[in-house]
């Protein structure tokens, strides 16, 4: 079952169970997916749908930081719950050990020798991770590995 179909199915279940939170969140996702589908002028693949959901998760995390800074506990709780709900539609993130191996491969691939090669390594590492890794996690590992080489 594709992600779009899974969201449609869960939307119907949320309507039947009258779960307001899930219903509202799924409607937001469905709208974002529909807008992207209109933009691309074709049915979304699972990868494209995941990209849309990842974007929503990133925006949610950014908003969460703002809510924490503003001391808005009510919004923090809702945003955290929404992020947890959205992440179930994404593939599981890589473990740190696996991510470190990918970063080592990327460093070897681009023959990086210093922190000046950070951009090249990041590009190669994100490509090898194939969307299963958070950019910030990759960045911290690459920085650690490059600084230990110097």
N, C-alpha and C. Protein backbone atom coordinates (compact mmCIF):
# COMPACT_ATOMS: atom_id res chain seq x y z
N UNK A 1 0.85 -1.18 0.00
CA UNK A 1 0.00 0.00 0.00
C UNK A 1 0.90 1.24 0.00
N UNK A 2 0.62 2.16 -0.90
CA UNK A 2 1.41 3.37 -0.99
C UNK A 2 1.10 4.28 0.20
N UNK A 3 1.96 5.27 0.41
CA UNK A 3 1.77 6.20 1.52
C UNK A 3 0.48 6.99 1.34
N UNK A 4 0.21 7.40 0.11
CA UNK A 4 -1.02 8.17 -0.16
C UNK A 4 -2.24 7.32 0.16
N UNK A 5 -2.23 6.06 -0.23
CA UNK A 5 -3.35 5.16 0.08
C UNK A 5 -3.46 4.93 1.58
N UNK A 6 -2.33 4.79 2.25
CA UNK A 6 -2.33 4.59 3.70
C UNK A 6 -2.94 5.79 4.40
N UNK A 7 -2.61 6.98 3.93
CA UNK A 7 -3.16 8.19 4.53
C UNK A 7 -4.66 8.27 4.28
N UNK A 8 -5.10 7.92 3.07
CA UNK A 8 -6.54 7.90 2.77
C UNK A 8 -7.28 6.94 3.70
N UNK A 9 -6.71 5.75 3.88
CA UNK A 9 -7.32 4.73 4.74
C UNK A 9 -7.40 5.23 6.18
N UNK A 10 -6.31 5.81 6.67
CA UNK A 10 -6.30 6.31 8.05
C UNK A 10 -7.25 7.49 8.22
N UNK A 11 -7.40 8.28 7.16
CA UNK A 11 -8.32 9.41 7.21
C UNK A 11 -9.75 8.90 7.38
N UNK A 12 -10.11 7.87 6.64
CA UNK A 12 -11.45 7.28 6.76
C UNK A 12 -11.67 6.71 8.15
N UNK A 13 -10.64 6.03 8.68
CA UNK A 13 -10.76 5.46 10.03
C UNK A 13 -10.90 6.56 11.08
N UNK A 14 -10.17 7.66 10.90
CA UNK A 14 -10.26 8.78 11.84
C UNK A 14 -11.65 9.42 11.79
N UNK A 15 -12.24 9.46 10.60
CA UNK A 15 -13.61 9.99 10.47
C UNK A 15 -14.59 9.09 11.22
N UNK A 16 -14.43 7.79 11.04
CA UNK A 16 -15.33 6.84 11.70
C UNK A 16 -15.19 6.88 13.22
N UNK A 17 -13.95 6.99 13.69
CA UNK A 17 -13.72 6.98 15.13
C UNK A 17 -13.86 8.37 15.76
N UNK A 18 -14.09 9.38 14.91
CA UNK A 18 -14.26 10.76 15.35
C UNK A 18 -13.06 11.27 16.16
N UNK A 19 -11.87 10.86 15.73
CA UNK A 19 -10.64 11.31 16.36
C UNK A 19 -10.25 12.66 15.76
N UNK A 20 -10.55 13.73 16.46
CA UNK A 20 -10.35 15.09 15.94
C UNK A 20 -8.89 15.39 15.63
N UNK A 21 -7.98 15.00 16.53
CA UNK A 21 -6.57 15.27 16.32
C UNK A 21 -6.06 14.58 15.06
N UNK A 22 -6.30 13.27 14.95
CA UNK A 22 -5.83 12.52 13.78
C UNK A 22 -6.48 13.04 12.51
N UNK A 23 -7.74 13.35 12.59
CA UNK A 23 -8.47 13.85 11.43
C UNK A 23 -7.86 15.17 10.94
N UNK A 24 -7.61 16.09 11.85
CA UNK A 24 -7.03 17.38 11.47
C UNK A 24 -5.63 17.21 10.89
N UNK A 25 -4.82 16.36 11.52
CA UNK A 25 -3.45 16.15 11.04
C UNK A 25 -3.45 15.48 9.67
N UNK A 26 -4.28 14.47 9.50
CA UNK A 26 -4.35 13.76 8.21
C UNK A 26 -4.87 14.66 7.10
N UNK A 27 -5.78 15.56 7.45
CA UNK A 27 -6.27 16.51 6.44
C UNK A 27 -5.16 17.45 6.00
N UNK A 28 -4.32 17.88 6.95
CA UNK A 28 -3.19 18.73 6.59
C UNK A 28 -2.23 18.00 5.65
N UNK A 29 -1.95 16.74 5.96
CA UNK A 29 -1.05 15.94 5.13
C UNK A 29 -1.66 15.74 3.75
N UNK A 30 -2.92 15.39 3.73
CA UNK A 30 -3.60 15.14 2.45
C UNK A 30 -3.58 16.40 1.58
N UNK A 31 -3.80 17.54 2.18
CA UNK A 31 -3.78 18.81 1.43
C UNK A 31 -2.39 19.08 0.88
N UNK A 32 -1.37 18.88 1.70
CA UNK A 32 0.01 19.09 1.25
C UNK A 32 0.35 18.15 0.10
N UNK A 33 -0.06 16.89 0.22
CA UNK A 33 0.20 15.92 -0.85
C UNK A 33 -0.55 16.30 -2.13
N UNK A 34 -1.80 16.74 -1.98
CA UNK A 34 -2.59 17.12 -3.15
C UNK A 34 -1.98 18.33 -3.84
N UNK A 35 -1.50 19.31 -3.06
CA UNK A 35 -0.86 20.49 -3.65
C UNK A 35 0.39 20.10 -4.43
N UNK A 36 1.18 19.19 -3.88
CA UNK A 36 2.40 18.73 -4.55
C UNK A 36 2.03 17.95 -5.81
N UNK A 37 0.96 17.17 -5.74
CA UNK A 37 0.51 16.40 -6.90
C UNK A 37 0.09 17.36 -8.02
N UNK A 38 -0.59 18.42 -7.67
CA UNK A 38 -1.00 19.41 -8.66
C UNK A 38 0.23 20.09 -9.25
N UNK A 39 1.20 20.40 -8.40
CA UNK A 39 2.43 21.03 -8.88
C UNK A 39 3.19 20.13 -9.86
N UNK A 40 3.29 18.83 -9.53
CA UNK A 40 4.02 17.90 -10.39
C UNK A 40 3.20 17.40 -11.57
N UNK A 41 1.89 17.56 -11.51
CA UNK A 41 0.96 17.11 -12.55
C UNK A 41 1.02 15.60 -12.79
N UNK A 42 1.19 14.84 -11.73
CA UNK A 42 1.11 13.37 -11.80
C UNK A 42 0.90 12.82 -10.38
N UNK A 43 0.49 11.57 -10.31
CA UNK A 43 0.33 10.93 -9.01
C UNK A 43 1.69 10.86 -8.32
N UNK A 44 1.71 11.09 -7.02
CA UNK A 44 2.97 11.09 -6.30
C UNK A 44 3.47 9.68 -6.04
N UNK A 45 4.76 9.49 -6.20
CA UNK A 45 5.38 8.22 -5.82
C UNK A 45 5.56 8.23 -4.30
N UNK A 46 5.92 7.10 -3.73
CA UNK A 46 6.15 7.04 -2.29
C UNK A 46 7.30 7.96 -1.89
N UNK A 47 8.34 8.05 -2.72
CA UNK A 47 9.47 8.90 -2.41
C UNK A 47 9.06 10.38 -2.39
N UNK A 48 8.24 10.77 -3.35
CA UNK A 48 7.77 12.16 -3.40
C UNK A 48 6.86 12.46 -2.21
N UNK A 49 6.00 11.50 -1.86
CA UNK A 49 5.12 11.68 -0.70
C UNK A 49 5.95 11.79 0.58
N UNK A 50 6.98 10.96 0.69
CA UNK A 50 7.84 11.03 1.87
C UNK A 50 8.55 12.37 1.95
N UNK A 51 8.94 12.91 0.81
CA UNK A 51 9.59 14.21 0.79
C UNK A 51 8.65 15.29 1.32
N UNK A 52 7.39 15.23 0.94
CA UNK A 52 6.40 16.19 1.42
C UNK A 52 6.24 16.05 2.93
N UNK A 53 6.12 14.83 3.41
CA UNK A 53 5.93 14.60 4.84
C UNK A 53 7.18 15.01 5.62
N UNK A 54 8.37 14.73 5.07
CA UNK A 54 9.61 15.16 5.73
C UNK A 54 9.65 16.67 5.85
N UNK A 55 9.19 17.35 4.82
CA UNK A 55 9.15 18.80 4.85
C UNK A 55 8.21 19.28 5.96
N UNK A 56 7.08 18.61 6.08
CA UNK A 56 6.13 18.97 7.14
C UNK A 56 6.74 18.72 8.52
N UNK A 57 7.46 17.62 8.67
CA UNK A 57 8.11 17.31 9.94
C UNK A 57 9.16 18.36 10.27
N UNK A 58 9.94 18.76 9.27
CA UNK A 58 10.97 19.78 9.49
C UNK A 58 10.33 21.10 9.92
N UNK A 59 9.25 21.48 9.25
CA UNK A 59 8.55 22.72 9.62
C UNK A 59 8.00 22.61 11.04
N UNK A 60 7.49 21.41 11.37
CA UNK A 60 6.96 21.19 12.72
C UNK A 60 8.05 21.29 13.77
N UNK A 61 9.23 20.77 13.48
CA UNK A 61 10.34 20.85 14.44
C UNK A 61 10.79 22.30 14.61
N UNK A 62 10.80 23.05 13.52
CA UNK A 62 11.15 24.47 13.60
C UNK A 62 10.12 25.21 14.46
N UNK A 63 8.85 24.90 14.25
CA UNK A 63 7.80 25.53 15.03
C UNK A 63 7.91 25.14 16.51
N UNK A 64 8.28 23.90 16.76
CA UNK A 64 8.44 23.42 18.14
C UNK A 64 9.50 24.23 18.87
N UNK A 65 10.60 24.53 18.19
CA UNK A 65 11.65 25.35 18.78
C UNK A 65 11.10 26.72 19.15
N UNK A 66 10.30 27.29 18.25
CA UNK A 66 9.69 28.59 18.52
C UNK A 66 8.73 28.52 19.70
N UNK A 67 7.95 27.46 19.78
CA UNK A 67 6.99 27.31 20.89
C UNK A 67 7.72 27.16 22.22
N UNK A 68 8.83 26.44 22.20
CA UNK A 68 9.62 26.27 23.42
C UNK A 68 10.18 27.62 23.85
N UNK A 69 10.69 28.38 22.89
CA UNK A 69 11.23 29.70 23.18
C UNK A 69 10.18 30.66 23.74
N UNK A 70 8.96 30.50 23.27
CA UNK A 70 7.87 31.37 23.72
C UNK A 70 7.20 30.85 24.98
N UNK A 71 7.58 29.66 25.42
CA UNK A 71 6.99 29.09 26.63
C UNK A 71 5.55 28.66 26.46
N UNK A 72 5.17 28.28 25.25
CA UNK A 72 3.79 27.87 24.98
C UNK A 72 3.65 26.35 25.14
N UNK A 73 3.40 25.91 26.35
CA UNK A 73 3.31 24.49 26.66
C UNK A 73 2.20 23.79 25.87
N UNK A 74 1.06 24.44 25.72
CA UNK A 74 -0.06 23.84 25.00
C UNK A 74 0.30 23.55 23.54
N UNK A 75 0.95 24.51 22.89
CA UNK A 75 1.34 24.33 21.50
C UNK A 75 2.49 23.33 21.37
N UNK A 76 3.38 23.31 22.36
CA UNK A 76 4.49 22.35 22.34
C UNK A 76 3.96 20.93 22.38
N UNK A 77 3.00 20.68 23.25
CA UNK A 77 2.44 19.34 23.38
C UNK A 77 1.74 18.91 22.10
N UNK A 78 0.95 19.79 21.52
CA UNK A 78 0.24 19.46 20.28
C UNK A 78 1.23 19.21 19.14
N UNK A 79 2.25 20.06 19.05
CA UNK A 79 3.23 19.91 17.97
C UNK A 79 4.02 18.62 18.13
N UNK A 80 4.39 18.29 19.34
CA UNK A 80 5.12 17.04 19.59
C UNK A 80 4.26 15.84 19.21
N UNK A 81 3.00 15.88 19.57
CA UNK A 81 2.08 14.79 19.23
C UNK A 81 1.92 14.68 17.71
N UNK A 82 1.83 15.82 17.04
CA UNK A 82 1.69 15.83 15.57
C UNK A 82 2.94 15.27 14.90
N UNK A 83 4.11 15.65 15.40
CA UNK A 83 5.36 15.15 14.82
C UNK A 83 5.47 13.64 14.98
N UNK A 84 5.12 13.14 16.14
CA UNK A 84 5.15 11.69 16.38
C UNK A 84 4.20 10.98 15.42
N UNK A 85 3.04 11.56 15.21
CA UNK A 85 2.05 10.98 14.32
C UNK A 85 2.56 10.97 12.87
N UNK A 86 3.15 12.07 12.42
CA UNK A 86 3.64 12.17 11.04
C UNK A 86 4.82 11.24 10.78
N UNK A 87 5.67 11.06 11.76
CA UNK A 87 6.88 10.25 11.57
C UNK A 87 6.57 8.79 11.31
N UNK A 88 5.37 8.35 11.63
CA UNK A 88 5.05 6.94 11.36
C UNK A 88 4.88 6.68 9.86
N UNK A 89 4.74 7.73 9.06
CA UNK A 89 4.62 7.58 7.61
C UNK A 89 5.98 7.60 6.92
N UNK A 90 7.03 7.84 7.70
CA UNK A 90 8.38 7.91 7.15
C UNK A 90 9.16 6.64 7.49
N UNK A 91 10.15 6.31 6.67
CA UNK A 91 10.97 5.13 7.00
C UNK A 91 11.76 5.40 8.28
N UNK A 92 12.10 4.34 8.97
CA UNK A 92 12.86 4.48 10.21
C UNK A 92 14.21 5.12 9.92
N UNK A 93 14.61 6.00 10.81
CA UNK A 93 15.90 6.67 10.64
C UNK A 93 17.03 5.68 10.91
N UNK A 94 18.15 5.93 10.26
CA UNK A 94 19.32 5.06 10.43
C UNK A 94 19.89 5.22 11.83
N UNK A 95 20.50 4.15 12.30
CA UNK A 95 21.19 4.20 13.57
C UNK A 95 22.49 4.97 13.42
N UNK A 96 23.05 5.39 14.55
CA UNK A 96 24.26 6.21 14.50
C UNK A 96 25.44 5.44 13.92
N UNK A 97 25.57 4.16 14.25
CA UNK A 97 26.68 3.36 13.73
C UNK A 97 26.60 3.24 12.21
N UNK A 98 25.40 2.96 11.71
CA UNK A 98 25.20 2.84 10.26
C UNK A 98 25.47 4.18 9.57
N UNK A 99 25.03 5.25 10.20
CA UNK A 99 25.22 6.58 9.65
C UNK A 99 26.71 6.96 9.63
N UNK A 100 27.43 6.55 10.65
CA UNK A 100 28.87 6.83 10.70
C UNK A 100 29.60 6.10 9.58
N UNK A 101 29.17 4.86 9.30
CA UNK A 101 29.79 4.10 8.20
C UNK A 101 29.54 4.80 6.86
N UNK A 102 28.34 5.29 6.67
CA UNK A 102 28.01 6.01 5.44
C UNK A 102 28.88 7.27 5.32
N UNK A 103 29.04 7.98 6.42
CA UNK A 103 29.86 9.19 6.40
C UNK A 103 31.32 8.86 6.09
N UNK A 104 31.82 7.76 6.63
CA UNK A 104 33.20 7.34 6.33
C UNK A 104 33.35 7.01 4.85
N UNK A 105 32.34 6.33 4.28
CA UNK A 105 32.37 6.02 2.84
C UNK A 105 32.38 7.31 2.02
N UNK A 106 31.56 8.28 2.44
CA UNK A 106 31.47 9.55 1.72
C UNK A 106 32.79 10.30 1.78
N UNK A 107 33.44 10.27 2.93
CA UNK A 107 34.74 10.94 3.07
C UNK A 107 35.76 10.30 2.15
N UNK A 108 35.75 8.97 2.11
CA UNK A 108 36.68 8.26 1.23
C UNK A 108 36.35 8.52 -0.24
N UNK A 109 35.06 8.57 -0.55
CA UNK A 109 34.62 8.77 -1.93
C UNK A 109 35.07 10.11 -2.49
N UNK A 110 34.96 11.16 -1.70
CA UNK A 110 35.34 12.49 -2.18
C UNK A 110 36.78 12.84 -1.81
N UNK A 111 37.46 11.90 -1.16
CA UNK A 111 38.85 12.07 -0.75
C UNK A 111 39.04 13.34 0.08
N UNK A 112 38.15 13.50 1.06
CA UNK A 112 38.19 14.68 1.92
C UNK A 112 39.36 14.58 2.90
N UNK A 113 40.00 15.72 3.13
CA UNK A 113 41.13 15.74 4.04
C UNK A 113 40.97 16.75 5.17
N UNK A 114 40.04 17.69 5.01
CA UNK A 114 39.87 18.71 6.04
C UNK A 114 38.42 19.18 6.08
N UNK A 115 38.15 20.06 7.03
CA UNK A 115 36.80 20.62 7.18
C UNK A 115 36.39 21.45 5.97
N UNK A 116 37.35 21.85 5.16
CA UNK A 116 37.04 22.63 3.96
C UNK A 116 36.25 21.80 2.95
N UNK A 117 36.34 20.47 3.07
CA UNK A 117 35.64 19.56 2.16
C UNK A 117 34.25 19.17 2.69
N UNK A 118 33.78 19.86 3.69
CA UNK A 118 32.52 19.53 4.36
C UNK A 118 31.34 19.45 3.38
N UNK A 119 31.22 20.41 2.50
CA UNK A 119 30.10 20.45 1.56
C UNK A 119 30.08 19.24 0.64
N UNK A 120 31.23 18.87 0.12
CA UNK A 120 31.33 17.71 -0.77
C UNK A 120 30.95 16.43 -0.03
N UNK A 121 31.45 16.31 1.20
CA UNK A 121 31.17 15.11 2.00
C UNK A 121 29.68 15.04 2.34
N UNK A 122 29.10 16.17 2.72
CA UNK A 122 27.67 16.20 3.07
C UNK A 122 26.82 15.76 1.88
N UNK A 123 27.14 16.27 0.70
CA UNK A 123 26.39 15.90 -0.50
C UNK A 123 26.46 14.41 -0.76
N UNK A 124 27.68 13.86 -0.67
CA UNK A 124 27.86 12.43 -0.92
C UNK A 124 27.18 11.59 0.16
N UNK A 125 27.29 12.02 1.41
CA UNK A 125 26.70 11.26 2.52
C UNK A 125 25.17 11.26 2.44
N UNK A 126 24.59 12.39 2.12
CA UNK A 126 23.12 12.46 2.02
C UNK A 126 22.64 11.61 0.86
N UNK A 127 23.41 11.56 -0.21
CA UNK A 127 23.05 10.73 -1.36
C UNK A 127 23.11 9.25 -0.97
N UNK A 128 24.15 8.87 -0.24
CA UNK A 128 24.28 7.48 0.19
C UNK A 128 23.19 7.10 1.21
N UNK A 129 22.81 8.05 2.03
CA UNK A 129 21.78 7.79 3.05
C UNK A 129 20.40 7.63 2.42
N UNK A 130 20.23 8.13 1.22
CA UNK A 130 18.99 7.99 0.44
C UNK A 130 17.74 8.40 1.22
N UNK A 131 17.82 9.56 1.90
CA UNK A 131 16.66 10.10 2.58
C UNK A 131 16.31 9.43 3.90
N UNK A 132 17.15 8.54 4.39
CA UNK A 132 16.85 7.84 5.64
C UNK A 132 17.62 8.42 6.81
N UNK A 133 18.19 9.60 6.62
CA UNK A 133 18.97 10.22 7.69
C UNK A 133 18.65 11.70 7.79
N UNK A 134 18.71 12.19 9.01
CA UNK A 134 18.50 13.61 9.27
C UNK A 134 19.78 14.36 8.92
N UNK A 135 19.65 15.45 8.22
CA UNK A 135 20.80 16.23 7.79
C UNK A 135 21.66 16.72 8.94
N UNK A 136 21.01 17.10 10.04
CA UNK A 136 21.78 17.58 11.20
C UNK A 136 22.61 16.47 11.81
N UNK A 137 22.07 15.25 11.85
CA UNK A 137 22.82 14.11 12.38
C UNK A 137 24.02 13.81 11.49
N UNK A 138 23.81 13.84 10.19
CA UNK A 138 24.90 13.60 9.24
C UNK A 138 25.97 14.67 9.41
N UNK A 139 25.54 15.92 9.53
CA UNK A 139 26.48 17.04 9.67
C UNK A 139 27.36 16.87 10.91
N UNK A 140 26.76 16.51 12.03
CA UNK A 140 27.56 16.38 13.26
C UNK A 140 28.56 15.23 13.15
N UNK A 141 28.16 14.13 12.53
CA UNK A 141 29.08 13.00 12.37
C UNK A 141 30.21 13.36 11.41
N UNK A 142 29.87 14.01 10.30
CA UNK A 142 30.89 14.41 9.33
C UNK A 142 31.88 15.38 9.98
N UNK A 143 31.37 16.34 10.75
CA UNK A 143 32.26 17.29 11.43
C UNK A 143 33.21 16.56 12.37
N UNK A 144 32.65 15.61 13.12
CA UNK A 144 33.46 14.84 14.08
C UNK A 144 34.55 14.06 13.35
N UNK A 145 34.16 13.40 12.26
CA UNK A 145 35.12 12.59 11.51
C UNK A 145 36.20 13.45 10.84
N UNK A 146 35.80 14.56 10.27
CA UNK A 146 36.76 15.44 9.60
C UNK A 146 37.72 16.09 10.61
N UNK A 147 37.21 16.46 11.77
CA UNK A 147 38.09 17.10 12.77
C UNK A 147 39.07 16.09 13.35
N UNK A 148 38.68 14.81 13.41
CA UNK A 148 39.61 13.79 13.93
C UNK A 148 40.69 13.44 12.90
N UNK A 149 40.44 13.75 11.61
CA UNK A 149 41.43 13.49 10.57
C UNK A 149 42.54 14.52 10.59
N UNK A 150 42.21 15.74 10.99
CA UNK A 150 43.17 16.85 10.93
C UNK A 150 44.33 16.66 11.86
